[in-house]
Amino acid sequence: MMTDPHIDADHARPTFIPPDDELAALLADWLPAQRWFAGRTALTGITITTRSRLLETDVARFEHVIVRIPAGSGLPSRYYQLWLALTTELPERLANALVGIVTDPAGTTVQVSDALHSHILTGALLSALAEGRSLGDVAAHAVSPELIDASAAGLVISGEQSNTSIVFGDSTILKLFRRLEPGPNPDAEVHLALSGAGTSHVAALLGELVGELEGVPTTLGVLTQFFANSADGWMTATASVRDLMAEGDLRADEVGGDFAPEAERLGKAVAEIHRDLAAALGTRQIVGAEVGEMLTAMAAAAAATAARVPELQALAPSIAATFAAVSQRTESVTLQRIHGDLHLGQTLRTLTGWAIIDFEGEPSKTLEYRRALHSPMRDVAGMVRSFDYAGHHLLPGTSPDSQHLFRSAEWTARNRGAFLAGYTKASGTDPAADADMLRVFELDKAVYEVGYEFDHRPGWLGIPLQAVEKLLAPPRRQEGTS
């Protein structure tokens, strides 16, 4: 029998297994407090749709559970997966992993906890991936087993918003998707395609965990290469902004922390990923009515946001007119698989260059949408909007003087231009040359950001709101600086 250093060895594995209704009651209280759960109110009607024994040790039983959250407020039902440990007692050091306690008729307590903090379970998952074998109802598919060190200990990364990731040693990382939809996850599909193409700007896909949901094979998690000693793109970019603000008499290109050369390299990396995705997964041309449908969908989303955000309501007619004007274009638009949620926080500066991570797309969108073909301009717009955020992130909550405002705008324009220049060099296509299309994708993103900040960070509302106003101003045929 295996023992777990995270569970005291003098506690026996429980003989009482809580029935589904009691386990569901625990989860209904626990789920709303988790960062990756989309909801903060008490749950009713939660249903356990899948419950499988993964393995048992002398001190614990490990289960894989999928729950269905009932539809509400116009939303469809949602599925979440959980990895649970059942023990008679949980050490105090794991108190934060406790889901809840169930007592059997004889008075014996069973403590249910998040098992991803157990080395036994994470080690078993890693071994299954290395060997390409199943663990309970979870099938492990090995892609590059020779690159997996099955002896490495796992450590849960804190701070993730949508999923749970476990780093093994300094070479691999297992991302487990908390919210599930039936079918393959784009993160697995895109990583597999890019790994096959030999792309140097993404982590190699090493393995995939697959289960079944509504009778459909469904991605549960992906094991990829881990970039140790890498720097987060957002942190690196914003450090450059702080350096510029600290230098009272130097321009952006004169400060030691000038980010523009890195922005250009990042533009090249994104273009090369787009090129490889197009070659591996295909493209499609749309023209006329289909272009109009794409712009109409953007306009509808913007109108819905403007209807609930007072600061946007006066701008709503101009926003609608901008989308309507571009919807009449006669030129074709190329669609392909893209990243779908690209910003500086999805980039890592490694020892050898830029890497792009997290290809699952925008979490709020449906799986069908995230797996669909889109214009690569959507990724480009997402990144230039991220440069705008980085350039202005120090201003909310302050009373900036004209010098600070100038420097923020200078940094943003310089790095936006550098990114677009790098993208153009690698792709042969200048996004800024199709100024109207870049403008509507930026507008679509900026309006979304206004809605997000209105809901979550009102103090930051000014950053995207000013961008919307600028994008609606009479065009100056933006040459890489909006």
Foldseek 3Di string as FASTA:
>chain_A
DDDWPQFDPVFFEDPDDDDQVVVQQLCQVQQLVDLQRDHNDGAPPKGWPDWWFQDDDRFKTKIKTKIWGPDDPPGHIWIFIAIKIKGQDGDPVQVVQWSDWDADPVGGIITIGRCVQIQVVVLVLLVCQLVQQAGIQKGKHFDASVQGDSVFTWDWDPDDRNWIKIDGDQWKIKTFGGIWDADEFQQVVLLCLCLVVVQPQAWHWGMWIWGGDPNGITTGITMTTHFPPWAQQLVLLLVLLVQLVVDPPDALVPGPSNCLVQLLLVLLSQLVSVVSQCVRFHKDKDFQPVLLVVLVVLLVVLVVLCVPFVLCVVVNVLLNVLSNVVSHDGDIAMWTQHQAQAESRQWIQHPVGIHGHRSRHDVVDDSVVSPDTDGNLLNLLNHLLNLLCSLCVVPQPDDDDPSSVVRSLSSSQSSLQSSQNSNCVNNVDRPLQVVSVNLSSNLSVLSVVLSVCVVPPVSCNVSSSVVNVVSSPPDPSDPRRD
